[in-house]
C-alpha cells in the first residue's frame, strides 16, 4: 500500500456503510486471499471465476482480519448475525477498483499503459526495463496482472516514490479496457497490435479494435498513444482517438545486424543498438522507445537504456540453444494473430533449417475456433514448417486439416493426447540443427513440453 487509510476514509471512497468497527482505525494492509493474509489486514471478499471470498470470511477473521469488505447479501447465513467488523458494499470487486483509483489520483508521476492483442506483457517488460534505467524505482505490473482484479492489485502495491508506473491492461469482454483505463488514468499508452484474440466475446477484429480503443477512456486530451504503422483497423482506432482528443503516434523502424550478438534499429534519424534479435521484440522495443521520447526523455538517454536492456521473458519467444538444436519457448499464450506473426518470423529468421512446431490448442475463439485452427495449420506449411506435433483434443484435428489443406505431408503431422507419448516420439524424430517452436494457449500448458526438453 502506498498510503495508510482510515476505515472512515475507505467507507467514503466506497460510499459504504460500516458496522462493528471504529472509523478512525488505520488500515495497514489488505488481502483477497484468506490463506495468505496477515493479522490486522482488511479482507476483500472478491468474486472470481471459480471462487467467492464471502465463503472465507470466517477463515479471514480467524487470521485476525481488522474488517471485511463484503456484499451483505452474500455473507453466509451461518455468520450473518455474528458481531464482526465489516464494510458493506454492493460489489467488493468494484470497491477494490475504487480504492485503486484513489491511489492512482495521488500519484504525481507518469503512468504508461500497455494494451493489445499480443505482446502486451513483453512490451510492458521492455518499457519497464527502459524506465528502470532512467529511475531504478520504476514500477511495472507483475507477471500478467492485467485484468479486473490484477490491475487494482498492481496499483495498490505501486510505490509513490518513482517517476514511472508501467501498467498492463487486458480484456476478455467488451468494456473492460475502458473501465480499467478510467482506474489507471494513463498519461500515455501503447496499443501493440490488433489481432484475433478473445473472439468468443469480441466477435471479430473490428470488435477487438474497438475494445482496445477503450484505452482512451481514462486519458486526458493531448495524451499520446503509440501504435505500429501496420496496425489493423488503424482508421477505426484513429477515429476513436479523435473523439477522445488523444493523439495517435505511428511508428516504423529499419533494423540491421550490428554484430553477431547485437542489432541496430534506426528511427528518430538515429541508430539504436540492442541485443534483442527477434523482429517481433524489436517492434515492441520501437514502440516503447517512441513512447518515452514522446514523454520527453532525451534520445541520448534512450540509446543508453536500449543498449543496457536485458530481456529474457520466460515463455515469450524465448530462444534457447540446446546441444545441437534450437528450442523456441513461446508457450505463454496463443491466438491466431500471434501464431501468424511468430510463424512468419520463424521463416525469415531460420530459412535454411528444418522447422518443427509443437502446439497446443488456442482458447476463447468461439464458433470460429475450427476454421481459425485450420488457418493456422495451413499457415505453418506456407511458412516452411516441415513437421507438426499437436497435443490436445479436437482443436488439434483442425490444425491437421489445415496442414493438409496447405499441402503438408500427412505423415509429417501427428496428434497426441498424452505428453509422455509426445516427448518420446519427438525425441525419436529430432535431428541436429532443427528449430522447434512450442506454442499454445495457457490452458494447453505447453510449458510441460519445454520443461521435459530442458
Protein backbone atom coordinates (compact mmCIF):
# COMPACT_ATOMS: atom_id res chain seq x y z
CA UNK A 1 0.00 0.00 0.00
CA UNK A 2 1.23 3.46 -0.86
CA UNK A 3 -0.72 5.25 1.89
CA UNK A 4 -2.43 4.38 5.16
CA UNK A 5 -6.20 4.92 5.11
CA UNK A 6 -8.68 5.04 7.96
CA UNK A 7 -11.81 2.92 7.84
CA UNK A 8 -13.77 6.16 7.63
CA UNK A 9 -11.82 7.32 4.55
CA UNK A 10 -12.35 3.99 2.86
CA UNK A 11 -16.07 3.95 3.59
CA UNK A 12 -16.30 7.39 1.94
CA UNK A 13 -14.45 6.14 -1.17
CA UNK A 14 -16.85 3.19 -1.41
CA UNK A 15 -19.91 5.20 -0.28
CA UNK A 16 -20.34 2.29 2.13
CA UNK A 17 -21.90 1.52 5.48
CA UNK A 18 -19.67 0.31 8.34
CA UNK A 19 -20.66 -1.96 11.21
CA UNK A 20 -18.90 -3.05 14.40
CA UNK A 21 -15.74 -1.02 13.66
CA UNK A 22 -14.28 2.39 14.58
CA UNK A 23 -13.97 4.77 11.65
CA UNK A 24 -10.59 6.13 12.87
CA UNK A 25 -8.94 2.68 12.70
CA UNK A 26 -5.93 2.71 10.34
CA UNK A 27 -5.74 0.06 7.62
CA UNK A 28 -2.14 -1.21 7.43
CA UNK A 29 -2.66 -3.74 4.66
CA UNK A 30 -5.21 -5.77 2.74
CA UNK A 31 -5.72 -9.22 1.29
CA UNK A 32 -8.02 -11.01 -1.14
CA UNK A 33 -6.84 -14.47 -0.03
CA UNK A 34 -7.61 -15.70 3.49
CA UNK A 35 -4.81 -18.29 3.22
CA UNK A 36 -2.04 -15.71 2.97
CA UNK A 37 -3.43 -12.72 4.87
CA UNK A 38 -1.78 -11.28 7.97
CA UNK A 39 -3.35 -10.12 11.22
CA UNK A 40 -4.64 -6.56 11.03
CA UNK A 41 -5.28 -6.58 7.29
CA UNK A 42 -8.55 -5.69 5.57
CA UNK A 43 -10.11 -8.67 3.76
CA UNK A 44 -11.86 -8.05 0.44
CA UNK A 45 -14.48 -10.71 -0.41
CA UNK A 46 -13.56 -10.82 -4.09
CA UNK A 47 -15.65 -12.88 -6.50
CA UNK A 48 -13.60 -14.67 -9.16
CA UNK A 49 -14.44 -17.13 -11.92
CA UNK A 50 -14.08 -20.13 -9.61
CA UNK A 51 -14.44 -18.82 -6.09
CA UNK A 52 -16.20 -16.28 -3.87
CA UNK A 53 -14.36 -14.63 -0.98
CA UNK A 54 -17.55 -14.42 1.05
CA UNK A 55 -17.17 -18.16 1.70
CA UNK A 56 -13.89 -17.49 3.53
CA UNK A 57 -14.93 -14.71 5.90
CA UNK A 58 -14.63 -16.99 8.96
CA UNK A 59 -11.09 -18.03 7.99
CA UNK A 60 -10.10 -14.39 7.43
CA UNK A 61 -11.44 -13.41 10.86
CA UNK A 62 -9.57 -16.31 12.45
CA UNK A 63 -6.38 -14.98 10.83
CA UNK A 64 -7.01 -11.60 12.50
CA UNK A 65 -8.63 -9.50 9.76
CA UNK A 66 -9.32 -5.99 11.03
CA UNK A 67 -12.53 -5.97 8.96
CA UNK A 68 -14.06 -7.46 5.82
CA UNK A 69 -15.33 -5.65 2.72
CA UNK A 70 -18.42 -7.63 1.78
CA UNK A 71 -21.74 -7.63 -0.02
CA UNK A 72 -24.31 -8.08 2.81
CA UNK A 73 -26.46 -10.27 0.57
CA UNK A 74 -23.57 -12.71 0.08
CA UNK A 75 -22.44 -13.12 3.68
CA UNK A 76 -23.11 -16.78 4.63
CA UNK A 77 -26.27 -17.24 6.68
CA UNK A 78 -24.33 -19.01 9.45
CA UNK A 79 -22.33 -15.87 10.31
CA UNK A 80 -24.63 -13.10 9.04
CA UNK A 81 -25.83 -12.25 12.55
CA UNK A 82 -22.37 -12.57 14.10
CA UNK A 83 -20.67 -9.50 15.53
CA UNK A 84 -17.65 -8.95 13.29
CA UNK A 85 -16.24 -5.68 11.79
CA UNK A 86 -17.41 -5.06 8.24
CA UNK A 87 -17.63 -2.51 5.44
CA UNK A 88 -20.78 -3.26 3.46
CA UNK A 89 -20.75 -2.64 -0.30
CA UNK A 90 -22.87 -3.93 -3.19
CA UNK A 91 -19.76 -5.14 -5.09
CA UNK A 92 -16.41 -5.83 -3.34
CA UNK A 93 -14.65 -6.17 -6.73
CA UNK A 94 -15.78 -2.65 -7.67
CA UNK A 95 -14.72 -1.39 -4.23
CA UNK A 96 -11.21 -2.70 -4.85
CA UNK A 97 -11.07 -0.80 -8.16
CA UNK A 98 -12.41 2.36 -6.49
CA UNK A 99 -9.69 2.18 -3.86
CA UNK A 100 -7.05 1.65 -6.58
CA UNK A 101 -8.41 4.65 -8.49
CA UNK A 102 -7.98 6.80 -5.37
CA UNK A 103 -4.38 5.61 -5.02
CA UNK A 104 -3.78 6.49 -8.67
CA UNK A 105 -5.13 10.04 -8.23
CA UNK A 106 -2.50 10.68 -5.55
CA UNK A 107 0.43 9.62 -7.77
CA UNK A 108 2.21 12.53 -9.44
CA UNK A 109 4.50 10.61 -11.82
CA UNK A 110 3.90 9.22 -15.31
CA UNK A 111 1.54 6.27 -15.80
CA UNK A 112 2.24 4.37 -19.02
CA UNK A 113 -0.39 1.83 -20.09
CA UNK A 114 0.10 -1.07 -22.50
CA UNK A 115 -2.68 -3.00 -24.22
CA UNK A 116 -3.11 -5.01 -27.43
CA UNK A 117 -3.93 -8.49 -28.71
CA UNK A 118 -0.38 -9.86 -28.47
CA UNK A 119 2.88 -8.77 -26.96
CA UNK A 120 1.39 -6.79 -24.06
CA UNK A 121 3.49 -8.38 -21.36
CA UNK A 122 6.68 -8.42 -23.44
CA UNK A 123 6.25 -4.74 -24.36
CA UNK A 124 5.47 -3.93 -20.74
CA UNK A 125 8.69 -5.68 -19.66
CA UNK A 126 10.73 -3.82 -22.31
CA UNK A 127 9.17 -0.49 -21.32
CA UNK A 128 9.74 -1.22 -17.62
CA UNK A 129 13.37 -2.14 -18.31
CA UNK A 130 13.94 1.16 -20.11
CA UNK A 131 12.21 3.09 -17.32
CA UNK A 132 14.34 1.38 -14.65
CA UNK A 133 17.44 2.61 -16.47
CA UNK A 134 16.03 6.11 -16.03
CA UNK A 135 14.80 5.51 -12.46
CA UNK A 136 15.71 2.30 -10.54
CA UNK A 137 12.44 2.57 -8.59
CA UNK A 138 10.23 2.43 -11.71
CA UNK A 139 7.36 0.00 -11.12
CA UNK A 140 5.52 -2.31 -13.50
CA UNK A 141 2.66 -4.78 -13.48
CA UNK A 142 3.97 -8.06 -12.01
CA UNK A 143 3.53 -11.00 -14.39
CA UNK A 144 0.32 -10.50 -16.33
CA UNK A 145 -1.85 -8.96 -13.60
CA UNK A 146 -3.83 -7.15 -16.29
CA UNK A 147 -7.49 -7.88 -15.52
CA UNK A 148 -10.26 -6.52 -13.28
CA UNK A 149 -8.52 -7.93 -10.19
CA UNK A 150 -4.88 -7.77 -11.27
CA UNK A 151 -4.86 -4.09 -12.30
CA UNK A 152 -6.19 -2.72 -8.98
CA UNK A 153 -3.85 -5.01 -7.05
CA UNK A 154 -0.97 -3.61 -9.12
CA UNK A 155 -1.91 0.00 -8.34
CA UNK A 156 -2.39 -0.73 -4.64
CA UNK A 157 1.15 -2.15 -4.44
CA UNK A 158 2.82 0.53 -6.59
CA UNK A 159 5.38 2.78 -4.81
CA UNK A 160 4.71 6.54 -4.79
CA UNK A 161 8.41 7.49 -4.83
CA UNK A 162 9.13 6.94 -8.52
CA UNK A 163 8.64 8.77 -11.80
CA UNK A 164 7.17 5.84 -13.72
CA UNK A 165 4.40 3.29 -13.38
CA UNK A 166 4.04 0.85 -16.30
CA UNK A 167 0.61 -0.80 -16.25
CA UNK A 168 -0.60 -3.64 -18.49
CA UNK A 169 -4.31 -3.70 -19.36
CA UNK A 170 -6.01 -6.81 -20.77
CA UNK A 171 -9.56 -7.79 -21.64
CA UNK A 172 -11.95 -10.68 -22.26
CA UNK A 173 -15.21 -8.80 -22.75
CA UNK A 174 -16.43 -5.52 -24.23
CA UNK A 175 -15.90 -2.53 -21.97
CA UNK A 176 -13.16 -3.93 -19.73
CA UNK A 177 -10.28 -1.91 -21.20
CA UNK A 178 -12.29 1.32 -20.93
CA UNK A 179 -13.26 0.68 -17.31
CA UNK A 180 -9.70 -0.24 -16.32
CA UNK A 181 -8.35 2.79 -18.16
CA UNK A 182 -10.61 5.00 -16.04
CA UNK A 183 -9.00 3.45 -12.95
CA UNK A 184 -5.43 3.67 -14.29
CA UNK A 185 -5.82 7.13 -15.92
CA UNK A 186 -2.78 6.70 -18.21
CA UNK A 187 -0.70 9.73 -19.10
CA UNK A 188 0.43 7.89 -22.25
CA UNK A 189 -0.01 4.44 -23.77
CA UNK A 190 0.79 1.78 -26.34
CA UNK A 191 -1.50 -0.45 -28.41
CA UNK A 192 0.83 -3.25 -29.52
CA UNK A 193 -1.46 -4.66 -32.23
CA UNK A 194 -4.99 -5.72 -33.14
CA UNK A 195 -5.48 -9.43 -33.77
CA UNK A 196 -7.78 -12.42 -33.42
CA UNK A 197 -7.91 -12.63 -29.63
CA UNK A 198 -10.88 -13.34 -27.35
CA UNK A 199 -13.18 -13.65 -30.37
CA UNK A 200 -15.59 -15.74 -28.29
CA UNK A 201 -16.66 -12.43 -26.72
CA UNK A 202 -15.28 -9.70 -29.01
CA UNK A 203 -16.67 -11.37 -32.18
CA UNK A 204 -14.16 -10.12 -34.79
CA UNK A 205 -11.03 -8.00 -35.22
CA UNK A 206 -13.12 -4.85 -35.56
CA UNK A 207 -14.59 -5.65 -32.15
CA UNK A 208 -11.05 -6.15 -30.82
CA UNK A 209 -10.02 -2.74 -32.24
CA UNK A 210 -12.98 -1.02 -30.57
CA UNK A 211 -12.21 -2.74 -27.28
CA UNK A 212 -8.51 -1.78 -27.35
CA UNK A 213 -9.55 1.80 -28.18
CA UNK A 214 -11.15 1.77 -24.74
CA UNK A 215 -7.66 2.72 -23.56
CA UNK A 216 -8.56 6.32 -24.43
CA UNK A 217 -11.43 6.40 -21.90
CA UNK A 218 -9.23 7.26 -18.91
CA UNK A 219 -6.83 9.56 -20.76
CA UNK A 220 -6.77 13.35 -20.96
CA UNK A 221 -6.94 15.33 -24.21
CA UNK A 222 -3.49 15.67 -25.73
CA UNK A 223 -2.17 12.43 -24.22
CA UNK A 224 -0.31 10.26 -26.73
CA UNK A 225 -0.83 6.61 -27.70
CA UNK A 226 1.85 4.83 -29.74
CA UNK A 227 0.84 2.24 -32.37
CA UNK A 228 2.70 0.40 -35.14
CA UNK A 229 2.03 1.90 -38.58
CA UNK A 230 0.76 -1.53 -39.69
CA UNK A 231 -1.97 -1.64 -37.02
CA UNK A 232 -5.08 -3.47 -38.22
CA UNK A 233 -8.17 -1.19 -38.29
CA UNK A 234 -5.92 1.84 -37.80
CA UNK A 235 -8.63 4.10 -39.25
CA UNK A 236 -11.13 2.92 -36.64
CA UNK A 237 -8.62 3.42 -33.80
CA UNK A 238 -7.73 6.91 -35.07
CA UNK A 239 -11.42 7.79 -35.27
CA UNK A 240 -11.93 6.76 -31.63
CA UNK A 241 -8.80 8.71 -30.64
CA UNK A 242 -10.16 11.88 -32.26
CA UNK A 243 -13.38 11.54 -30.23
CA UNK A 244 -11.33 11.31 -27.02
CA UNK A 245 -8.90 14.07 -28.01
CA UNK A 246 -5.99 11.61 -27.80
CA UNK A 247 -3.07 11.84 -30.25
CA UNK A 248 -2.03 8.71 -32.17
CA UNK A 249 1.70 8.39 -32.97
CA UNK A 250 2.59 5.75 -35.59
CA UNK A 251 5.97 4.02 -35.51
CA UNK A 252 8.16 2.42 -38.11
CA UNK A 253 11.81 1.39 -37.99
CA UNK A 254 14.65 -0.11 -40.04
CA UNK A 255 16.84 -2.81 -38.49
CA UNK A 256 20.18 -4.29 -39.45
CA UNK A 257 22.63 -6.69 -37.79
CA UNK A 258 25.38 -4.76 -35.98
CA UNK A 259 27.34 -7.80 -34.76
CA UNK A 260 26.83 -11.47 -34.01
CA UNK A 261 25.00 -10.60 -30.79
CA UNK A 262 23.59 -7.12 -31.39
CA UNK A 263 21.28 -5.47 -33.88
CA UNK A 264 20.79 -1.82 -34.77
CA UNK A 265 17.40 -0.14 -35.09
CA UNK A 266 17.08 3.14 -37.00
CA UNK A 267 14.39 5.65 -36.09
CA UNK A 268 14.27 9.29 -34.95
CA UNK A 269 17.07 9.52 -37.60
CA UNK A 270 19.33 7.75 -35.11
CA UNK A 271 20.75 4.23 -34.77
CA UNK A 272 19.93 2.38 -31.55
CA UNK A 273 21.92 -0.72 -30.65
CA UNK A 274 20.24 -3.59 -28.78
CA UNK A 275 20.80 -7.27 -28.02
CA UNK A 276 17.18 -8.02 -28.98
CA UNK A 277 17.46 -10.12 -32.14
CA UNK A 278 13.81 -11.04 -32.76
CA UNK A 279 11.93 -8.79 -35.24
CA UNK A 280 8.81 -9.21 -33.09
CA UNK A 281 10.57 -7.93 -29.98
CA UNK A 282 12.34 -5.21 -31.95
CA UNK A 283 8.94 -3.78 -32.92
CA UNK A 284 7.95 -3.82 -29.25
CA UNK A 285 11.20 -2.04 -28.40
CA UNK A 286 10.47 0.64 -31.01
CA UNK A 287 7.01 1.21 -29.53
CA UNK A 288 8.48 1.59 -26.03
CA UNK A 289 11.30 3.92 -27.13
CA UNK A 290 8.90 6.08 -29.11
CA UNK A 291 6.60 6.43 -26.11
CA UNK A 292 9.44 7.54 -23.85
CA UNK A 293 10.72 10.02 -26.44
CA UNK A 294 7.21 11.48 -26.72
CA UNK A 295 7.22 11.76 -22.92
CA UNK A 296 10.32 13.96 -23.08
CA UNK A 297 13.18 11.52 -22.47
CA UNK A 298 16.29 12.65 -24.42
CA UNK A 299 17.38 10.39 -27.29
CA UNK A 300 20.88 10.06 -25.79
CA UNK A 301 19.40 8.54 -22.62
CA UNK A 302 17.16 6.24 -24.65
CA UNK A 303 20.21 4.95 -26.55
CA UNK A 304 21.91 4.08 -23.26
CA UNK A 305 18.77 2.41 -21.93
CA UNK A 306 18.28 0.34 -25.11
CA UNK A 307 21.90 -0.83 -25.10
CA UNK A 308 21.65 -1.87 -21.44
CA UNK A 309 18.29 -3.63 -21.81
CA UNK A 310 18.37 -7.26 -20.69
CA UNK A 311 15.23 -9.04 -21.84
CA UNK A 312 14.64 -12.68 -21.09
CA UNK A 313 10.92 -13.31 -20.62
CA UNK A 314 10.11 -16.94 -19.97
CA UNK A 315 7.56 -18.35 -22.39
CA UNK A 316 7.56 -15.38 -24.79
CA UNK A 317 9.58 -16.22 -27.87
CA UNK A 318 12.49 -17.25 -25.67
CA UNK A 319 15.18 -18.77 -27.92
CA UNK A 320 17.07 -21.50 -26.09
CA UNK A 321 20.27 -23.02 -27.51
CA UNK A 322 20.12 -26.77 -26.89
CA UNK A 323 23.09 -29.11 -27.54
CA UNK A 324 22.69 -29.16 -31.32
CA UNK A 325 19.22 -27.69 -31.94
CA UNK A 326 17.19 -24.57 -31.12
CA UNK A 327 14.13 -24.54 -28.86
CA UNK A 328 11.82 -21.51 -29.06
CA UNK A 329 9.60 -21.27 -26.00
CA UNK A 330 6.51 -19.23 -26.90
CA UNK A 331 4.23 -21.15 -24.57
CA UNK A 332 2.85 -18.25 -22.57
CA UNK A 333 -0.21 -17.84 -24.77
CA UNK A 334 -1.54 -18.17 -28.31
CA UNK A 335 -4.18 -16.76 -30.63
CA UNK A 336 -4.29 -16.78 -34.44
CA UNK A 337 -2.64 -13.41 -35.00
CA UNK A 338 0.24 -14.14 -32.61
CA UNK A 339 0.69 -17.54 -34.28
CA UNK A 340 0.85 -15.94 -37.76
CA UNK A 341 3.44 -13.40 -36.59
CA UNK A 342 5.64 -15.98 -34.94
CA UNK A 343 5.49 -18.33 -37.94
CA UNK A 344 6.46 -15.53 -40.33
CA UNK A 345 9.31 -14.53 -38.02
CA UNK A 346 10.45 -18.15 -37.79
CA UNK A 347 10.54 -18.47 -41.58
CA UNK A 348 12.53 -15.25 -42.02
CA UNK A 349 14.98 -15.96 -39.19
CA UNK A 350 15.80 -19.61 -39.99
CA UNK A 351 15.36 -20.00 -43.77
CA UNK A 352 17.86 -22.85 -44.17
CA UNK A 353 16.96 -25.03 -41.19
CA UNK A 354 14.27 -27.65 -40.65
CA UNK A 355 11.43 -26.14 -38.65
CA UNK A 356 9.09 -28.07 -36.32
CA UNK A 357 6.02 -26.79 -34.47
CA UNK A 358 4.87 -28.41 -31.22
CA UNK A 359 1.47 -26.89 -30.49
CA UNK A 360 -1.50 -26.91 -28.19
CA UNK A 361 -4.97 -25.51 -28.77
CA UNK A 362 -5.89 -21.81 -28.95
CA UNK A 363 -8.62 -20.91 -26.48
CA UNK A 364 -11.55 -18.42 -26.43
CA UNK A 365 -12.22 -18.41 -30.18
CA UNK A 366 -15.91 -19.30 -30.00
CA UNK A 367 -17.68 -20.63 -33.11
CA UNK A 368 -14.73 -19.59 -35.28
CA UNK A 369 -12.36 -21.95 -33.48
CA UNK A 370 -12.36 -24.81 -36.04
CA UNK A 371 -11.70 -22.53 -39.02
CA UNK A 372 -9.07 -20.46 -37.22
CA UNK A 373 -7.18 -23.59 -36.18
CA UNK A 374 -7.33 -24.77 -39.80
CA UNK A 375 -5.92 -21.44 -40.99
CA UNK A 376 -3.02 -21.67 -38.54
CA UNK A 377 -2.29 -25.24 -39.67
CA UNK A 378 -2.22 -24.05 -43.28
CA UNK A 379 -0.01 -21.09 -42.37
CA UNK A 380 2.53 -23.44 -40.80
CA UNK A 381 3.04 -25.15 -44.17
CA UNK A 382 3.21 -21.82 -46.03
CA UNK A 383 5.99 -20.69 -43.71
CA UNK A 384 8.19 -23.70 -44.26
CA UNK A 385 7.32 -25.80 -41.22
CA UNK A 386 8.18 -29.41 -42.07
CA UNK A 387 6.76 -31.22 -39.02
CA UNK A 388 3.92 -30.58 -36.63
CA UNK A 389 3.23 -32.31 -33.31
CA UNK A 390 -0.11 -31.36 -31.73
CA UNK A 391 -1.06 -32.05 -28.12
CA UNK A 392 -4.70 -31.95 -27.04
CA UNK A 393 -8.26 -32.59 -28.09
CA UNK A 394 -10.49 -31.76 -31.04
CA UNK A 395 -8.71 -28.49 -31.91
CA UNK A 396 -5.60 -30.43 -32.93
CA UNK A 397 -7.70 -32.22 -35.54
CA UNK A 398 -8.43 -28.84 -37.13
CA UNK A 399 -4.72 -27.94 -37.14
CA UNK A 400 -4.18 -31.22 -39.03
CA UNK A 401 -6.94 -30.42 -41.54
CA UNK A 402 -5.36 -27.04 -42.25
CA UNK A 403 -1.95 -28.68 -42.55
CA UNK A 404 -3.27 -31.00 -45.26
CA UNK A 405 -5.16 -28.15 -47.00
CA UNK A 406 -1.88 -26.25 -47.18
CA UNK A 407 -0.11 -29.14 -48.88
CA UNK A 408 1.67 -30.55 -45.85
CA UNK A 409 2.60 -34.22 -45.88
CA UNK A 410 0.08 -36.29 -43.92
CA UNK A 411 2.75 -38.36 -42.19
CA UNK A 412 4.61 -35.19 -41.07
CA UNK A 413 1.82 -34.02 -38.74
CA UNK A 414 0.73 -36.01 -35.68
CA UNK A 415 -1.76 -35.60 -32.86
CA UNK A 416 -1.09 -36.73 -29.26
CA UNK A 417 -3.30 -36.83 -26.21
CA UNK A 418 -0.52 -37.70 -23.77
CA UNK A 419 2.53 -35.53 -23.05
CA UNK A 420 4.79 -38.54 -22.46
CA UNK A 421 3.89 -40.08 -25.83
CA UNK A 422 4.57 -36.71 -27.49
CA UNK A 423 8.00 -36.23 -25.90
CA UNK A 424 9.04 -39.83 -26.68
CA UNK A 425 8.10 -39.55 -30.37
CA UNK A 426 9.59 -36.07 -30.66
CA UNK A 427 12.97 -37.21 -29.32
CA UNK A 428 12.99 -40.11 -31.78
CA UNK A 429 12.41 -37.79 -34.74
CA UNK A 430 14.54 -34.81 -33.68
CA UNK A 431 17.60 -34.05 -35.82
CA UNK A 432 20.66 -31.88 -35.30
CA UNK A 433 20.12 -28.20 -36.29
CA UNK A 434 16.31 -28.41 -36.01
CA UNK A 435 14.45 -25.28 -34.93
CA UNK A 436 11.47 -26.14 -32.72
CA UNK A 437 8.68 -23.68 -31.88
CA UNK A 438 6.47 -24.58 -28.90
CA UNK A 439 3.20 -22.62 -28.62
CA UNK A 440 -0.34 -22.85 -27.25
CA UNK A 441 -2.85 -21.06 -25.05
CA UNK A 442 -2.36 -21.03 -21.28
CA UNK A 443 -4.93 -23.79 -20.88
CA UNK A 444 -2.84 -26.07 -23.13
CA UNK A 445 0.09 -25.94 -20.67
CA UNK A 446 2.68 -26.42 -23.39
CA UNK A 447 5.40 -25.39 -20.95
CA UNK A 448 5.27 -29.04 -19.86
CA UNK A 449 6.96 -29.97 -23.13
CA UNK A 450 9.63 -27.29 -22.69
CA UNK A 451 10.34 -28.46 -19.15
CA UNK A 452 10.65 -32.05 -20.40
CA UNK A 453 13.20 -30.97 -23.03
CA UNK A 454 15.21 -28.96 -20.50
